[in-house]
């Protein structure tokens, strides 16, 4: 799994998955807030769910993904995910996402596409 975050899309995280033996990469987009909440308790609903599992000498973050095409249960180091979240917060603090958006420009762009 490769995670990506940019201040241009401050609410979203992008997670890219490449399965061994396949030439394609699948990308999922979900809220950064889901990851932040999921570090301490069950979070998310629908297609993306996140929760910590601690004990037995290793703390992990489980990420459950589901779609019409199937489902996957992934595990990542809880510490690595905390570190990634801290890095995103150095770009945009949690709760300050709306300050990164120019709503008038975004709305004008959206209406121009319609």
PDB file of N, CA and C in Angstrom:
ATOM      1  N   UNK A   1       0.853  -1.171   0.000  1.00  0.00           N
ATOM      2  CA  UNK A   1       0.000   0.000   0.000  1.00  0.00           C
ATOM      3  C   UNK A   1       0.900   1.234   0.000  1.00  0.00           C
ATOM      4  N   UNK A   2       0.553   2.170  -0.831  1.00  0.00           N
ATOM      5  CA  UNK A   2       1.250   3.447  -0.876  1.00  0.00           C
ATOM      6  C   UNK A   2       0.219   4.532  -0.566  1.00  0.00           C
ATOM      7  N   UNK A   3       0.492   5.343   0.452  1.00  0.00           N
ATOM      8  CA  UNK A   3      -0.418   6.414   0.841  1.00  0.00           C
ATOM      9  C   UNK A   3       0.064   7.740   0.286  1.00  0.00           C
ATOM     10  N   UNK A   4      -0.894   8.594  -0.070  1.00  0.00           N
ATOM     11  CA  UNK A   4      -0.567   9.911  -0.614  1.00  0.00           C
ATOM     12  C   UNK A   4      -1.541  10.932  -0.045  1.00  0.00           C
ATOM     13  N   UNK A   5      -0.998  12.093   0.301  1.00  0.00           N
ATOM     14  CA  UNK A   5      -1.821  13.191   0.793  1.00  0.00           C
ATOM     15  C   UNK A   5      -1.292  14.484   0.206  1.00  0.00           C
ATOM     16  N   UNK A   6      -2.197  15.374  -0.166  1.00  0.00           N
ATOM     17  CA  UNK A   6      -1.802  16.681  -0.679  1.00  0.00           C
ATOM     18  C   UNK A   6      -2.728  17.752  -0.108  1.00  0.00           C
ATOM     19  N   UNK A   7      -2.179  18.909   0.135  1.00  0.00           N
ATOM     20  CA  UNK A   7      -2.971  20.027   0.660  1.00  0.00           C
ATOM     21  C   UNK A   7      -3.995  20.512  -0.358  1.00  0.00           C
ATOM     22  N   UNK A   8      -3.824  20.162  -1.630  1.00  0.00           N
ATOM     23  CA  UNK A   8      -4.788  20.544  -2.670  1.00  0.00           C
ATOM     24  C   UNK A   8      -6.138  19.861  -2.479  1.00  0.00           C
ATOM     25  N   UNK A   9      -6.137  18.712  -1.839  1.00  0.00           N
ATOM     26  CA  UNK A   9      -7.357  17.961  -1.545  1.00  0.00           C
ATOM     27  C   UNK A   9      -7.290  17.599  -0.057  1.00  0.00           C
ATOM     28  N   UNK A  10      -7.472  18.600   0.815  1.00  0.00           N
ATOM     29  CA  UNK A  10      -7.111  18.455   2.235  1.00  0.00           C
ATOM     30  C   UNK A  10      -7.924  17.460   3.043  1.00  0.00           C
ATOM     31  N   UNK A  11      -9.078  17.081   2.573  1.00  0.00           N
ATOM     32  CA  UNK A  11      -9.894  16.126   3.328  1.00  0.00           C
ATOM     33  C   UNK A  11      -9.586  14.672   2.978  1.00  0.00           C
ATOM     34  N   UNK A  12      -8.908  14.437   1.866  1.00  0.00           N
ATOM     35  CA  UNK A  12      -8.795  13.084   1.322  1.00  0.00           C
ATOM     36  C   UNK A  12      -7.399  12.485   1.430  1.00  0.00           C
ATOM     37  N   UNK A  13      -7.376  11.180   1.641  1.00  0.00           N
ATOM     38  CA  UNK A  13      -6.170  10.368   1.530  1.00  0.00           C
ATOM     39  C   UNK A  13      -6.342   9.470   0.327  1.00  0.00           C
ATOM     40  N   UNK A  14      -5.266   9.189  -0.339  1.00  0.00           N
ATOM     41  CA  UNK A  14      -5.297   8.255  -1.453  1.00  0.00           C
ATOM     42  C   UNK A  14      -4.411   7.067  -1.097  1.00  0.00           C
ATOM     43  N   UNK A  15      -4.968   5.894  -1.241  1.00  0.00           N
ATOM     44  CA  UNK A  15      -4.229   4.666  -0.950  1.00  0.00           C
ATOM     45  C   UNK A  15      -4.178   3.848  -2.230  1.00  0.00           C
ATOM     46  N   UNK A  16      -2.973   3.556  -2.692  1.00  0.00           N
ATOM     47  CA  UNK A  16      -2.793   2.771  -3.918  1.00  0.00           C
ATOM     48  C   UNK A  16      -2.322   1.372  -3.540  1.00  0.00           C
ATOM     49  N   UNK A  17      -2.950   0.386  -4.158  1.00  0.00           N
ATOM     50  CA  UNK A  17      -2.644  -1.015  -3.882  1.00  0.00           C
ATOM     51  C   UNK A  17      -2.240  -1.697  -5.175  1.00  0.00           C
ATOM     52  N   UNK A  18      -1.190  -2.463  -5.085  1.00  0.00           N
ATOM     53  CA  UNK A  18      -0.736  -3.243  -6.239  1.00  0.00           C
ATOM     54  C   UNK A  18      -0.646  -4.693  -5.788  1.00  0.00           C
ATOM     55  N   UNK A  19      -1.490  -5.518  -6.327  1.00  0.00           N
ATOM     56  CA  UNK A  19      -1.492  -6.935  -5.957  1.00  0.00           C
ATOM     57  C   UNK A  19      -0.432  -7.679  -6.761  1.00  0.00           C
ATOM     58  N   UNK A  20       0.293  -8.545  -6.073  1.00  0.00           N
ATOM     59  CA  UNK A  20       1.306  -9.338  -6.748  1.00  0.00           C
ATOM     60  C   UNK A  20       0.661 -10.170  -7.860  1.00  0.00           C
ATOM     61  N   UNK A  21       1.348 -10.232  -8.986  1.00  0.00           N
ATOM     62  CA  UNK A  21       0.854 -11.021 -10.105  1.00  0.00           C
ATOM     63  C   UNK A  21      -0.126 -10.270 -10.996  1.00  0.00           C
ATOM     64  N   UNK A  22      -0.405  -9.008 -10.674  1.00  0.00           N
ATOM     65  CA  UNK A  22      -1.319  -8.202 -11.486  1.00  0.00           C
ATOM     66  C   UNK A  22      -0.604  -6.946 -11.952  1.00  0.00           C
ATOM     67  N   UNK A  23      -0.958  -6.471 -13.140  1.00  0.00           N
ATOM     68  CA  UNK A  23      -0.307  -5.291 -13.700  1.00  0.00           C
ATOM     69  C   UNK A  23      -0.986  -3.987 -13.306  1.00  0.00           C
ATOM     70  N   UNK A  24      -2.132  -4.057 -12.671  1.00  0.00           N
ATOM     71  CA  UNK A  24      -2.879  -2.846 -12.362  1.00  0.00           C
ATOM     72  C   UNK A  24      -2.713  -2.436 -10.902  1.00  0.00           C
ATOM     73  N   UNK A  25      -2.887  -1.154 -10.682  1.00  0.00           N
ATOM     74  CA  UNK A  25      -2.900  -0.589  -9.341  1.00  0.00           C
ATOM     75  C   UNK A  25      -4.306  -0.078  -9.082  1.00  0.00           C
ATOM     76  N   UNK A  26      -4.811  -0.361  -7.918  1.00  0.00           N
ATOM     77  CA  UNK A  26      -6.142   0.094  -7.535  1.00  0.00           C
ATOM     78  C   UNK A  26      -5.984   1.215  -6.523  1.00  0.00           C
ATOM     79  N   UNK A  27      -6.693   2.313  -6.736  1.00  0.00           N
ATOM     80  CA  UNK A  27      -6.607   3.445  -5.815  1.00  0.00           C
ATOM     81  C   UNK A  27      -7.942   3.644  -5.105  1.00  0.00           C
ATOM     82  N   UNK A  28      -7.860   3.816  -3.800  1.00  0.00           N
ATOM     83  CA  UNK A  28      -9.030   4.139  -2.988  1.00  0.00           C
ATOM     84  C   UNK A  28      -8.815   5.522  -2.398  1.00  0.00           C
ATOM     85  N   UNK A  29      -9.875   6.290  -2.339  1.00  0.00           N
ATOM     86  CA  UNK A  29      -9.832   7.619  -1.737  1.00  0.00           C
ATOM     87  C   UNK A  29     -10.776   7.599  -0.552  1.00  0.00           C
ATOM     88  N   UNK A  30     -10.273   8.031   0.602  1.00  0.00           N
ATOM     89  CA  UNK A  30     -11.135   8.115   1.779  1.00  0.00           C
ATOM     90  C   UNK A  30     -10.697   9.261   2.666  1.00  0.00           C
ATOM     91  N   UNK A  31     -11.538   9.625   3.603  1.00  0.00           N
ATOM     92  CA  UNK A  31     -11.307  10.786   4.438  1.00  0.00           C
ATOM     93  C   UNK A  31     -10.152  10.618   5.411  1.00  0.00           C
ATOM     94  N   UNK A  32      -9.357  11.655   5.523  1.00  0.00           N
ATOM     95  CA  UNK A  32      -8.258  11.648   6.483  1.00  0.00           C
ATOM     96  C   UNK A  32      -8.790  11.521   7.903  1.00  0.00           C
ATOM     97  N   UNK A  33      -9.962  12.072   8.139  1.00  0.00           N
ATOM     98  CA  UNK A  33     -10.586  11.976   9.451  1.00  0.00           C
ATOM     99  C   UNK A  33     -10.890  10.518   9.823  1.00  0.00           C
ATOM    100  N   UNK A  34     -11.231   9.696   8.836  1.00  0.00           N
ATOM    101  CA  UNK A  34     -11.482   8.274   9.089  1.00  0.00           C
ATOM    102  C   UNK A  34     -10.205   7.607   9.599  1.00  0.00           C
ATOM    103  N   UNK A  35      -9.080   7.919   8.977  1.00  0.00           N
ATOM    104  CA  UNK A  35      -7.815   7.362   9.446  1.00  0.00           C
ATOM    105  C   UNK A  35      -7.505   7.846  10.863  1.00  0.00           C
ATOM    106  N   UNK A  36      -7.663   9.132  11.105  1.00  0.00           N
ATOM    107  CA  UNK A  36      -7.357   9.689  12.424  1.00  0.00           C
ATOM    108  C   UNK A  36      -8.204   9.026  13.506  1.00  0.00           C
ATOM    109  N   UNK A  37      -9.482   8.886  13.256  1.00  0.00           N
ATOM    110  CA  UNK A  37     -10.368   8.247  14.226  1.00  0.00           C
ATOM    111  C   UNK A  37     -10.047   6.762  14.363  1.00  0.00           C
ATOM    112  N   UNK A  38      -9.735   6.123  13.249  1.00  0.00           N
ATOM    113  CA  UNK A  38      -9.471   4.693  13.242  1.00  0.00           C
ATOM    114  C   UNK A  38      -8.206   4.287  13.975  1.00  0.00           C
ATOM    115  N   UNK A  39      -7.338   5.229  14.293  1.00  0.00           N
ATOM    116  CA  UNK A  39      -6.136   4.910  15.049  1.00  0.00           C
ATOM    117  C   UNK A  39      -6.448   4.519  16.485  1.00  0.00           C
ATOM    118  N   UNK A  40      -7.629   4.924  16.971  1.00  0.00           N
ATOM    119  CA  UNK A  40      -7.980   4.636  18.369  1.00  0.00           C
ATOM    120  C   UNK A  40      -9.257   3.818  18.540  1.00  0.00           C
ATOM    121  N   UNK A  41     -10.109   3.765  17.500  1.00  0.00           N
ATOM    122  CA  UNK A  41     -11.368   3.007  17.612  1.00  0.00           C
ATOM    123  C   UNK A  41     -11.912   2.735  16.208  1.00  0.00           C
ATOM    124  N   UNK A  42     -12.951   1.917  16.146  1.00  0.00           N
ATOM    125  CA  UNK A  42     -13.590   1.628  14.857  1.00  0.00           C
ATOM    126  C   UNK A  42     -14.064   2.935  14.227  1.00  0.00           C
ATOM    127  N   UNK A  43     -13.788   3.081  12.936  1.00  0.00           N
ATOM    128  CA  UNK A  43     -14.184   4.290  12.216  1.00  0.00           C
ATOM    129  C   UNK A  43     -14.571   3.915  10.797  1.00  0.00           C
ATOM    130  N   UNK A  44     -15.301   4.802  10.180  1.00  0.00           N
ATOM    131  CA  UNK A  44     -15.719   4.597   8.806  1.00  0.00           C
ATOM    132  C   UNK A  44     -17.018   3.837   8.718  1.00  0.00           C
ATOM    133  N   UNK A  45     -17.563   3.835   7.531  1.00  0.00           N
ATOM    134  CA  UNK A  45     -18.797   3.102   7.249  1.00  0.00           C
ATOM    135  C   UNK A  45     -18.855   2.871   5.746  1.00  0.00           C
ATOM    136  N   UNK A  46     -19.705   2.004   5.335  1.00  0.00           N
ATOM    137  CA  UNK A  46     -19.807   1.726   3.905  1.00  0.00           C
ATOM    138  C   UNK A  46     -18.594   0.988   3.382  1.00  0.00           C
ATOM    139  N   UNK A  47     -17.947   1.548   2.377  1.00  0.00           N
ATOM    140  CA  UNK A  47     -16.865   0.866   1.672  1.00  0.00           C
ATOM    141  C   UNK A  47     -15.531   0.846   2.413  1.00  0.00           C
ATOM    142  N   UNK A  48     -15.328   1.765   3.358  1.00  0.00           N
ATOM    143  CA  UNK A  48     -14.040   1.867   4.061  1.00  0.00           C
ATOM    144  C   UNK A  48     -14.274   1.846   5.562  1.00  0.00           C
ATOM    145  N   UNK A  49     -13.610   0.904   6.225  1.00  0.00           N
ATOM    146  CA  UNK A  49     -13.661   0.809   7.692  1.00  0.00           C
ATOM    147  C   UNK A  49     -12.235   0.648   8.190  1.00  0.00           C
ATOM    148  N   UNK A  50     -11.950   1.282   9.332  1.00  0.00           N
ATOM    149  CA  UNK A  50     -10.600   1.296   9.882  1.00  0.00           C
ATOM    150  C   UNK A  50     -10.689   1.071  11.384  1.00  0.00           C
ATOM    151  N   UNK A  51      -9.777   0.232  11.940  1.00  0.00           N
ATOM    152  CA  UNK A  51      -9.768   0.033  13.384  1.00  0.00           C
ATOM    153  C   UNK A  51      -8.410  -0.498  13.833  1.00  0.00           C
ATOM    154  N   UNK A  52      -8.021  -0.170  15.076  1.00  0.00           N
ATOM    155  CA  UNK A  52      -6.750  -0.661  15.595  1.00  0.00           C
ATOM    156  C   UNK A  52      -6.904  -2.044  16.213  1.00  0.00           C
ATOM    157  N   UNK A  53      -5.837  -2.822  16.145  1.00  0.00           N
ATOM    158  CA  UNK A  53      -5.757  -4.117  16.821  1.00  0.00           C
ATOM    159  C   UNK A  53      -4.416  -4.115  17.549  1.00  0.00           C
ATOM    160  N   UNK A  54      -4.497  -4.201  18.876  1.00  0.00           N
ATOM    161  CA  UNK A  54      -3.272  -4.114  19.665  1.00  0.00           C
ATOM    162  C   UNK A  54      -3.074  -5.386  20.471  1.00  0.00           C
ATOM    163  N   UNK A  55      -1.819  -5.779  20.596  1.00  0.00           N
ATOM    164  CA  UNK A  55      -1.486  -6.949  21.390  1.00  0.00           C
ATOM    165  C   UNK A  55      -0.590  -7.909  20.652  1.00  0.00           C
ATOM    166  N   UNK A  56      -0.240  -8.952  21.332  1.00  0.00           N
ATOM    167  CA  UNK A  56       0.623 -10.007  20.788  1.00  0.00           C
ATOM    168  C   UNK A  56       1.922  -9.457  20.188  1.00  0.00           C
ATOM    169  N   UNK A  57       2.425  -8.378  20.795  1.00  0.00           N
ATOM    170  CA  UNK A  57       3.711  -7.857  20.356  1.00  0.00           C
ATOM    171  C   UNK A  57       3.696  -7.002  19.111  1.00  0.00           C
ATOM    172  N   UNK A  58       2.523  -6.811  18.507  1.00  0.00           N
ATOM    173  CA  UNK A  58       2.464  -5.946  17.326  1.00  0.00           C
ATOM    174  C   UNK A  58       1.127  -5.238  17.269  1.00  0.00           C
ATOM    175  N   UNK A  59       1.206  -3.950  17.120  1.00  0.00           N
ATOM    176  CA  UNK A  59       0.004  -3.140  17.005  1.00  0.00           C
ATOM    177  C   UNK A  59      -0.196  -2.806  15.529  1.00  0.00           C
ATOM    178  N   UNK A  60      -1.380  -3.114  15.031  1.00  0.00           N
ATOM    179  CA  UNK A  60      -1.658  -2.890  13.613  1.00  0.00           C
ATOM    180  C   UNK A  60      -2.942  -2.093  13.449  1.00  0.00           C
ATOM    181  N   UNK A  61      -3.069  -1.525  12.279  1.00  0.00           N
ATOM    182  CA  UNK A  61      -4.298  -0.867  11.882  1.00  0.00           C
ATOM    183  C   UNK A  61      -4.901  -1.731  10.795  1.00  0.00           C
ATOM    184  N   UNK A  62      -6.123  -2.150  10.993  1.00  0.00           N
ATOM    185  CA  UNK A  62      -6.824  -2.920   9.961  1.00  0.00           C
ATOM    186  C   UNK A  62      -7.661  -1.970   9.131  1.00  0.00           C
ATOM    187  N   UNK A  63      -7.634  -2.210   7.840  1.00  0.00           N
ATOM    188  CA  UNK A  63      -8.401  -1.411   6.886  1.00  0.00           C
ATOM    189  C   UNK A  63      -9.240  -2.382   6.080  1.00  0.00           C
ATOM    190  N   UNK A  64     -10.547  -2.265   6.206  1.00  0.00           N
ATOM    191  CA  UNK A  64     -11.463  -3.098   5.451  1.00  0.00           C
ATOM    192  C   UNK A  64     -12.029  -2.316   4.286  1.00  0.00           C
ATOM    193  N   UNK A  65     -11.886  -2.847   3.101  1.00  0.00           N
ATOM    194  CA  UNK A  65     -12.389  -2.210   1.880  1.00  0.00           C
ATOM    195  C   UNK A  65     -13.388  -3.139   1.219  1.00  0.00           C
ATOM    196  N   UNK A  66     -14.475  -2.583   0.719  1.00  0.00           N
ATOM    197  CA  UNK A  66     -15.443  -3.416   0.013  1.00  0.00           C
ATOM    198  C   UNK A  66     -16.064  -2.637  -1.138  1.00  0.00           C
ATOM    199  N   UNK A  67     -16.389  -3.372  -2.178  1.00  0.00           N
ATOM    200  CA  UNK A  67     -17.059  -2.798  -3.348  1.00  0.00           C
ATOM    201  C   UNK A  67     -17.849  -3.913  -4.006  1.00  0.00           C
ATOM    202  N   UNK A  68     -18.526  -3.597  -5.081  1.00  0.00           N
ATOM    203  CA  UNK A  68     -19.259  -4.622  -5.820  1.00  0.00           C
ATOM    204  C   UNK A  68     -18.319  -5.674  -6.399  1.00  0.00           C
ATOM    205  N   UNK A  69     -17.057  -5.292  -6.618  1.00  0.00           N
ATOM    206  CA  UNK A  69     -16.083  -6.213  -7.210  1.00  0.00           C
ATOM    207  C   UNK A  69     -15.463  -7.161  -6.188  1.00  0.00           C
ATOM    208  N   UNK A  70     -15.642  -6.880  -4.897  1.00  0.00           N
ATOM    209  CA  UNK A  70     -15.058  -7.742  -3.881  1.00  0.00           C
ATOM    210  C   UNK A  70     -14.678  -6.962  -2.641  1.00  0.00           C
ATOM    211  N   UNK A  71     -13.913  -7.607  -1.783  1.00  0.00           N
ATOM    212  CA  UNK A  71     -13.499  -6.946  -0.545  1.00  0.00           C
ATOM    213  C   UNK A  71     -12.076  -7.346  -0.203  1.00  0.00           C
ATOM    214  N   UNK A  72     -11.473  -6.552   0.678  1.00  0.00           N
ATOM    215  CA  UNK A  72     -10.105  -6.830   1.113  1.00  0.00           C
ATOM    216  C   UNK A  72      -9.962  -6.397   2.562  1.00  0.00           C
ATOM    217  N   UNK A  73      -9.151  -7.132   3.295  1.00  0.00           N
ATOM    218  CA  UNK A  73      -8.802  -6.774   4.664  1.00  0.00           C
ATOM    219  C   UNK A  73      -7.295  -6.613   4.699  1.00  0.00           C
ATOM    220  N   UNK A  74      -6.846  -5.418   5.020  1.00  0.00           N
ATOM    221  CA  UNK A  74      -5.431  -5.093   5.010  1.00  0.00           C
ATOM    222  C   UNK A  74      -4.959  -4.758   6.409  1.00  0.00           C
ATOM    223  N   UNK A  75      -3.683  -4.970   6.658  1.00  0.00           N
ATOM    224  CA  UNK A  75      -3.079  -4.584   7.923  1.00  0.00           C
ATOM    225  C   UNK A  75      -1.862  -3.728   7.641  1.00  0.00           C
ATOM    226  N   UNK A  76      -1.701  -2.691   8.454  1.00  0.00           N
ATOM    227  CA  UNK A  76      -0.527  -1.821   8.368  1.00  0.00           C
ATOM    228  C   UNK A  76      -0.041  -1.564   9.785  1.00  0.00           C
ATOM    229  N   UNK A  77       1.220  -1.268   9.910  1.00  0.00           N
ATOM    230  CA  UNK A  77       1.775  -0.942  11.212  1.00  0.00           C
ATOM    231  C   UNK A  77       1.045   0.280  11.781  1.00  0.00           C
ATOM    232  N   UNK A  78       0.546   0.158  12.993  1.00  0.00           N
ATOM    233  CA  UNK A  78      -0.147   1.270  13.632  1.00  0.00           C
ATOM    234  C   UNK A  78       0.801   2.458  13.777  1.00  0.00           C
ATOM    235  N   UNK A  79       2.040   2.191  14.128  1.00  0.00           N
ATOM    236  CA  UNK A  79       3.018   3.273  14.295  1.00  0.00           C
ATOM    237  C   UNK A  79       3.292   3.975  12.967  1.00  0.00           C
ATOM    238  N   UNK A  80       3.411   3.211  11.885  1.00  0.00           N
ATOM    239  CA  UNK A  80       3.628   3.818  10.566  1.00  0.00           C
ATOM    240  C   UNK A  80       2.449   4.693  10.164  1.00  0.00           C
ATOM    241  N   UNK A  81       1.246   4.247  10.466  1.00  0.00           N
ATOM    242  CA  UNK A  81       0.057   5.032  10.112  1.00  0.00           C
ATOM    243  C   UNK A  81      -0.025   6.305  10.951  1.00  0.00           C
ATOM    244  N   UNK A  82       0.346   6.222  12.220  1.00  0.00           N
ATOM    245  CA  UNK A  82       0.385   7.424  13.065  1.00  0.00           C
ATOM    246  C   UNK A  82       1.408   8.414  12.519  1.00  0.00           C
ATOM    247  N   UNK A  83       2.542   7.903  12.105  1.00  0.00           N
ATOM    248  CA  UNK A  83       3.596   8.749  11.546  1.00  0.00           C
ATOM    249  C   UNK A  83       3.117   9.420  10.258  1.00  0.00           C
ATOM    250  N   UNK A  84       2.451   8.661   9.390  1.00  0.00           N
ATOM    251  CA  UNK A  84       1.918   9.231   8.155  1.00  0.00           C
ATOM    252  C   UNK A  84       0.913  10.339   8.477  1.00  0.00           C
ATOM    253  N   UNK A  85       0.026  10.099   9.434  1.00  0.00           N
ATOM    254  CA  UNK A  85      -0.961  11.111   9.795  1.00  0.00           C
ATOM    255  C   UNK A  85      -0.277  12.374  10.327  1.00  0.00           C
ATOM    256  N   UNK A  86       0.762  12.212  11.127  1.00  0.00           N
ATOM    257  CA  UNK A  86       1.514  13.386  11.618  1.00  0.00           C
ATOM    258  C   UNK A  86       2.104  14.172  10.446  1.00  0.00           C
ATOM    259  N   UNK A  87       2.593  13.468   9.441  1.00  0.00           N
ATOM    260  CA  UNK A  87       3.149  14.150   8.266  1.00  0.00           C
ATOM    261  C   UNK A  87       2.070  14.950   7.536  1.00  0.00           C
ATOM    262  N   UNK A  88       0.864  14.391   7.437  1.00  0.00           N
ATOM    263  CA  UNK A  88      -0.214  15.139   6.768  1.00  0.00           C
ATOM    264  C   UNK A  88      -0.571  16.382   7.571  1.00  0.00           C
ATOM    265  N   UNK A  89      -0.508  16.265   8.897  1.00  0.00           N
ATOM    266  CA  UNK A  89      -0.859  17.394   9.745  1.00  0.00           C
ATOM    267  C   UNK A  89       0.186  18.508   9.682  1.00  0.00           C
ATOM    268  N   UNK A  90       1.398  18.171   9.279  1.00  0.00           N
ATOM    269  CA  UNK A  90       2.394  19.224   9.097  1.00  0.00           C
ATOM    270  C   UNK A  90       2.061  20.067   7.861  1.00  0.00           C
ATOM    271  N   UNK A  91       1.319  19.484   6.914  1.00  0.00           N
ATOM    272  CA  UNK A  91       0.861  20.232   5.744  1.00  0.00           C
ATOM    273  C   UNK A  91      -0.426  20.984   6.038  1.00  0.00           C
ATOM    274  N   UNK A  92      -1.392  20.281   6.623  1.00  0.00           N
ATOM    275  CA  UNK A  92      -2.693  20.854   6.962  1.00  0.00           C
ATOM    276  C   UNK A  92      -3.131  20.245   8.290  1.00  0.00           C
ATOM    277  N   UNK A  93      -3.199  21.043   9.351  1.00  0.00           N
ATOM    278  CA  UNK A  93      -3.657  20.495  10.636  1.00  0.00           C
ATOM    279  C   UNK A  93      -5.090  19.968  10.527  1.00  0.00           C
ATOM    280  N   UNK A  94      -5.377  18.887  11.274  1.00  0.00           N
ATOM    281  CA  UNK A  94      -6.750  18.389  11.320  1.00  0.00           C
ATOM    282  C   UNK A  94      -7.659  19.512  11.808  1.00  0.00           C
ATOM    283  N   UNK A  95      -8.776  19.676  11.139  1.00  0.00           N
ATOM    284  CA  UNK A  95      -9.722  20.729  11.479  1.00  0.00           C
ATOM    285  C   UNK A  95      -9.500  22.019  10.712  1.00  0.00           C
ATOM    286  N   UNK A  96      -8.371  22.134  10.018  1.00  0.00           N
ATOM    287  CA  UNK A  96      -8.069  23.348   9.256  1.00  0.00           C
ATOM    288  C   UNK A  96      -8.203  23.136   7.749  1.00  0.00           C
ATOM    289  N   UNK A  97      -8.804  22.027   7.360  1.00  0.00           N
ATOM    290  CA  UNK A  97      -8.908  21.684   5.935  1.00  0.00           C
ATOM    291  C   UNK A  97      -9.647  22.754   5.136  1.00  0.00           C
ATOM    292  N   UNK A  98     -10.710  23.300   5.697  1.00  0.00           N
ATOM    293  CA  UNK A  98     -11.526  24.267   4.945  1.00  0.00           C
ATOM    294  C   UNK A  98     -10.748  25.536   4.615  1.00  0.00           C
ATOM    295  N   UNK A  99      -9.714  25.837   5.381  1.00  0.00           N
ATOM    296  CA  UNK A  99      -8.893  27.022   5.108  1.00  0.00           C
ATOM    297  C   UNK A  99      -8.070  26.854   3.834  1.00  0.00           C
ATOM    298  N   UNK A 100      -7.890  25.619   3.373  1.00  0.00           N
ATOM    299  CA  UNK A 100      -7.119  25.340   2.172  1.00  0.00           C
ATOM    300  C   UNK A 100      -7.943  25.478   0.892  1.00  0.00           C
ATOM    301  N   UNK A 101      -9.248  25.548   1.054  1.00  0.00           N
ATOM    302  CA  UNK A 101     -10.136  25.553  -0.109  1.00  0.00           C
ATOM    303  C   UNK A 101     -10.629  26.958  -0.425  1.00  0.00           C
ATOM    304  N   UNK A 102     -10.667  27.288  -1.688  1.00  0.00           N
ATOM    305  CA  UNK A 102     -11.282  28.517  -2.165  1.00  0.00           C
ATOM    306  C   UNK A 102     -12.643  28.096  -2.729  1.00  0.00           C
ATOM    307  N   UNK A 103     -13.654  28.136  -1.888  1.00  0.00           N
ATOM    308  CA  UNK A 103     -14.977  27.617  -2.248  1.00  0.00           C
ATOM    309  C   UNK A 103     -15.536  28.326  -3.474  1.00  0.00           C
ATOM    310  N   UNK A 104     -15.351  29.641  -3.598  1.00  0.00           N
ATOM    311  CA  UNK A 104     -15.884  30.371  -4.746  1.00  0.00           C
ATOM    312  C   UNK A 104     -15.268  29.873  -6.051  1.00  0.00           C
ATOM    313  N   UNK A 105     -13.958  29.649  -6.057  1.00  0.00           N
ATOM    314  CA  UNK A 105     -13.292  29.149  -7.256  1.00  0.00           C
ATOM    315  C   UNK A 105     -13.734  27.731  -7.569  1.00  0.00           C
ATOM    316  N   UNK A 106     -13.809  26.893  -6.548  1.00  0.00           N
ATOM    317  CA  UNK A 106     -14.249  25.512  -6.751  1.00  0.00           C
ATOM    318  C   UNK A 106     -15.673  25.465  -7.300  1.00  0.00           C
ATOM    319  N   UNK A 107     -16.560  26.281  -6.755  1.00  0.00           N
ATOM    320  CA  UNK A 107     -17.942  26.312  -7.212  1.00  0.00           C
ATOM    321  C   UNK A 107     -18.021  26.803  -8.657  1.00  0.00           C
ATOM    322  N   UNK A 108     -17.265  27.848  -8.987  1.00  0.00           N
ATOM    323  CA  UNK A 108     -17.255  28.362 -10.360  1.00  0.00           C
ATOM    324  C   UNK A 108     -16.746  27.294 -11.329  1.00  0.00           C
ATOM    325  N   UNK A 109     -15.710  26.570 -10.930  1.00  0.00           N
ATOM    326  CA  UNK A 109     -15.175  25.487 -11.762  1.00  0.00           C
ATOM    327  C   UNK A 109     -16.208  24.383 -11.953  1.00  0.00           C
ATOM    328  N   UNK A 110     -16.889  24.014 -10.879  1.00  0.00           N
ATOM    329  CA  UNK A 110     -17.911  22.972 -10.937  1.00  0.00           C
ATOM    330  C   UNK A 110     -19.052  23.392 -11.854  1.00  0.00           C
ATOM    331  N   UNK A 111     -19.518  24.635 -11.718  1.00  0.00           N
ATOM    332  CA  UNK A 111     -20.631  25.111 -12.537  1.00  0.00           C
ATOM    333  C   UNK A 111     -20.236  25.239 -13.994  1.00  0.00           C
ATOM    334  N   UNK A 112     -18.982  25.572 -14.260  1.00  0.00           N
ATOM    335  CA  UNK A 112     -18.511  25.688 -15.646  1.00  0.00           C
ATOM    336  C   UNK A 112     -18.500  24.336 -16.336  1.00  0.00           C
ATOM    337  N   UNK A 113     -18.292  23.263 -15.570  1.00  0.00           N
ATOM    338  CA  UNK A 113     -18.289  21.915 -16.135  1.00  0.00           C
ATOM    339  C   UNK A 113     -19.692  21.402 -16.422  1.00  0.00           C
ATOM    340  N   UNK A 114     -20.686  21.965 -15.775  1.00  0.00           N
ATOM    341  CA  UNK A 114     -22.065  21.495 -15.934  1.00  0.00           C
ATOM    342  C   UNK A 114     -22.679  21.917 -17.232  1.00  0.00           C
TER     343      UNK A 114
END
